C-alpha cells in the first residue's frame, strides 16, 4: 500500500510543517510587509542608482545631526584653525620669500583638509551604515564609534598614497594576521 500524500510524518505531537518567517507575517498590512524587505534606507535587493540616491537623501533627512552636524564640527575643529594658522604665518614670517610662505601656508591648509576629509569619511560611513540597518546614529554615538579608528583610517590613506606614488593601483594591508 503506498504512503498517504503530503509531508512525511514527524515525531508524535509535532506539527507537520514548520511555519516560515515570523508568526503571522502573511497577515501584516502592505506597509509593514514593505518594512520587512527594507529595514533601513536602502532595500534588501539589487540596487538601482535611484535606490542609492534615495538612500543618501533619506540618511540626510533622518540623521541631520549626525550628517550635517558632523561636517560642521569637523569644519570648525580642523579647517577654521588651519585658516587662522595660515593668516598668522603670513603676518609673522615677513622676512621669508613669498613663494616659500605660500608653499608653507598651502601645506598647512592641505594637511588640515586631509585630516578633515579622513575624519569626516570615517564618521559618515558609520552614520550611513547605521541608517542602512534602520538605526539612527546620534552625533555622540558616531564620535564614540569612530574616534578609536581614525588613526587606522589615516594610516590606510597614507599607505594608499605611498602605494600610488610607487605606481601600484591597489594596496593590501596586513595587520596581526588579517588582510584589510
Protein backbone atom coordinates (compact mmCIF):
# COMPACT_ATOMS: atom_id res chain seq x y z
CA UNK A 1 0.00 0.00 0.00
CA UNK A 2 1.52 3.41 -0.98
CA UNK A 3 2.09 6.06 1.74
CA UNK A 4 -0.52 8.81 2.02
CA UNK A 5 0.19 12.00 0.06
CA UNK A 6 1.61 15.01 1.91
CA UNK A 7 4.63 15.67 4.05
CA UNK A 8 6.28 12.76 5.81
CA UNK A 9 5.10 12.28 9.35
CA UNK A 10 7.34 13.70 12.08
CA UNK A 11 7.61 12.76 15.72
CA UNK A 12 4.34 12.23 17.55
CA UNK A 13 2.70 15.51 18.59
CA UNK A 14 4.77 17.68 16.18
CA UNK A 15 3.11 19.88 13.61
CA UNK A 16 3.56 18.54 10.08
CA UNK A 17 5.01 21.79 8.56
CA UNK A 18 7.10 24.38 10.41
CA UNK A 19 5.93 27.95 10.00
CA UNK A 20 8.06 30.00 7.61
CA UNK A 21 9.00 33.52 8.69
CA UNK A 22 7.71 35.43 11.68
CA UNK A 23 4.39 34.24 13.06
CA UNK A 24 1.52 35.87 11.24
CA UNK A 25 3.71 37.66 8.69
CA UNK A 26 1.20 36.90 5.93
CA UNK A 27 -1.49 38.84 7.84
CA UNK A 28 0.54 42.07 8.00
CA UNK A 29 -0.62 45.17 6.11
CA UNK A 30 1.37 46.05 2.98
CA UNK A 31 3.23 48.92 4.70
CA UNK A 32 4.66 46.58 7.33
CA UNK A 33 5.47 43.93 4.73
CA UNK A 34 7.47 46.55 2.83
CA UNK A 35 9.43 47.33 6.02
CA UNK A 36 10.47 43.68 6.24
CA UNK A 37 12.26 43.97 2.89
CA UNK A 38 13.72 47.41 3.66
CA UNK A 39 14.70 47.79 7.33
CA UNK A 40 16.73 50.94 6.69
CA UNK A 41 17.26 53.50 3.96
CA UNK A 42 18.01 51.02 1.14
CA UNK A 43 16.05 47.91 0.16
CA UNK A 44 17.43 44.41 0.57
CA UNK A 45 17.55 43.60 -3.13
CA UNK A 46 19.80 44.50 -6.04
CA UNK A 47 20.06 48.29 -6.02
CA UNK A 48 19.42 50.76 -8.78
CA UNK A 49 21.04 54.19 -8.97
CA UNK A 50 17.76 55.68 -7.78
CA UNK A 51 17.86 53.46 -4.66
CA UNK A 52 21.36 54.72 -3.84
CA UNK A 53 20.37 58.38 -4.26
CA UNK A 54 17.16 57.83 -2.31
CA UNK A 55 19.10 56.16 0.50
CA UNK A 56 21.58 59.04 0.66
CA UNK A 57 18.81 61.64 0.87
CA UNK A 58 16.86 59.61 3.44
CA UNK A 59 20.01 59.35 5.55
CA UNK A 60 20.38 63.13 5.46
CA UNK A 61 16.72 63.62 6.36
CA UNK A 62 16.66 61.02 9.14
CA UNK A 63 20.02 61.98 10.69
CA UNK A 64 20.67 65.68 10.14
CA UNK A 65 22.51 65.93 13.45
CA UNK A 66 24.91 63.13 12.62
CA UNK A 67 25.44 64.03 8.95
CA UNK A 68 25.37 67.81 8.68
CA UNK A 69 26.40 68.30 12.31
CA UNK A 70 29.45 66.11 11.82
CA UNK A 71 30.50 68.17 8.83
CA UNK A 72 30.10 71.42 10.73
CA UNK A 73 32.06 70.15 13.73
CA UNK A 74 34.90 68.81 11.60
CA UNK A 75 34.98 72.11 9.72
CA UNK A 76 35.09 74.08 12.95
CA UNK A 77 37.67 71.82 14.61
CA UNK A 78 40.15 71.44 11.75
CA UNK A 79 39.66 73.89 8.92
CA UNK A 80 39.00 77.12 10.82
CA UNK A 81 42.17 76.73 12.94
CA UNK A 82 44.05 75.97 9.72
CA UNK A 83 42.88 79.28 8.28
CA UNK A 84 43.93 81.10 11.45
CA UNK A 85 47.39 79.47 11.42
CA UNK A 86 47.84 80.40 7.76
CA UNK A 87 46.88 84.01 8.46
CA UNK A 88 49.22 84.19 11.46
CA UNK A 89 52.07 82.72 9.42
CA UNK A 90 51.68 85.42 6.79
CA UNK A 91 51.84 88.13 9.49
CA UNK A 92 54.77 86.68 11.47
CA UNK A 93 57.00 85.47 8.66
CA UNK A 94 57.53 88.71 6.78
CA UNK A 95 61.22 88.04 6.12
CA UNK A 96 60.52 84.79 4.23
CA UNK A 97 60.30 84.78 0.44
CA UNK A 98 56.70 84.98 -0.82
CA UNK A 99 56.88 81.67 -2.68
CA UNK A 100 58.21 79.88 0.42
CA UNK A 101 55.48 81.46 2.54
CA UNK A 102 52.84 80.46 0.02
CA UNK A 103 54.18 76.90 -0.01
CA UNK A 104 54.11 76.76 3.80
CA UNK A 105 50.55 78.06 4.11
CA UNK A 106 49.38 75.76 1.33
CA UNK A 107 50.99 72.80 3.12
CA UNK A 108 49.27 73.68 6.40
CA UNK A 109 45.91 74.02 4.63
CA UNK A 110 46.38 70.78 2.68
CA UNK A 111 47.32 68.82 5.80
CA UNK A 112 44.32 70.15 7.67
CA UNK A 113 42.00 69.43 4.75
CA UNK A 114 43.34 65.86 4.51
CA UNK A 115 42.77 65.25 8.22
CA UNK A 116 39.27 66.73 7.98
CA UNK A 117 38.46 64.55 4.97
CA UNK A 118 39.65 61.37 6.70
CA UNK A 119 37.73 62.17 9.90
CA UNK A 120 34.57 63.09 8.04
CA UNK A 121 34.73 59.99 5.85
CA UNK A 122 35.04 57.68 8.84
CA UNK A 123 32.17 59.35 10.66
CA UNK A 124 29.81 59.47 7.67
CA UNK A 125 30.49 55.80 6.89
CA UNK A 126 29.36 54.94 10.42
CA UNK A 127 26.19 57.06 10.11
CA UNK A 128 25.27 55.54 6.73
CA UNK A 129 25.99 52.02 8.00
CA UNK A 130 23.60 52.53 10.90
CA UNK A 131 20.97 54.05 8.59
CA UNK A 132 21.15 51.05 6.24
CA UNK A 133 20.40 48.81 9.21
CA UNK A 134 17.45 51.00 10.22
CA UNK A 135 19.14 52.60 13.24
CA UNK A 136 19.55 56.30 13.91
CA UNK A 137 23.07 57.35 14.81
CA UNK A 138 23.44 60.33 17.10
CA UNK A 139 26.44 62.62 16.95
CA UNK A 140 27.87 61.45 20.29
CA UNK A 141 27.42 57.79 19.30
CA UNK A 142 29.16 58.43 15.99
CA UNK A 143 32.12 60.07 17.70
CA UNK A 144 32.39 57.22 20.25
CA UNK A 145 32.26 54.60 17.50
CA UNK A 146 34.83 56.22 15.21
CA UNK A 147 37.36 58.08 17.37
CA UNK A 148 39.44 54.98 18.03
CA UNK A 149 39.50 54.05 14.35
CA UNK A 150 40.57 57.43 12.94
CA UNK A 151 44.34 56.79 13.30
CA UNK A 152 43.95 53.46 11.48
CA UNK A 153 41.92 55.17 8.74
CA UNK A 154 44.58 57.85 8.39
CA UNK A 155 47.24 55.11 8.18
CA UNK A 156 45.27 53.39 5.42
CA UNK A 157 45.03 56.64 3.45
CA UNK A 158 48.75 57.36 3.83
CA UNK A 159 49.63 53.79 2.84
CA UNK A 160 47.41 54.08 -0.22
CA UNK A 161 49.14 57.31 -1.23
CA UNK A 162 52.54 55.69 -0.76
CA UNK A 163 51.49 52.77 -2.96
CA UNK A 164 50.09 55.12 -5.61
CA UNK A 165 53.39 57.05 -5.62
CA UNK A 166 55.18 53.74 -6.20
CA UNK A 167 52.92 53.00 -9.19
CA UNK A 168 50.57 50.44 -7.59
CA UNK A 169 46.88 50.60 -8.45
CA UNK A 170 45.74 48.61 -5.39
CA UNK A 171 47.08 48.00 -1.90
CA UNK A 172 46.74 45.17 0.58
CA UNK A 173 47.43 45.79 4.26
CA UNK A 174 48.37 43.05 6.70
CA UNK A 175 47.99 43.59 10.43
CA UNK A 176 48.08 40.92 13.12
CA UNK A 177 47.49 38.19 10.54
CA UNK A 178 44.46 39.91 8.99
CA UNK A 179 44.14 41.35 5.49
CA UNK A 180 42.45 44.73 5.11
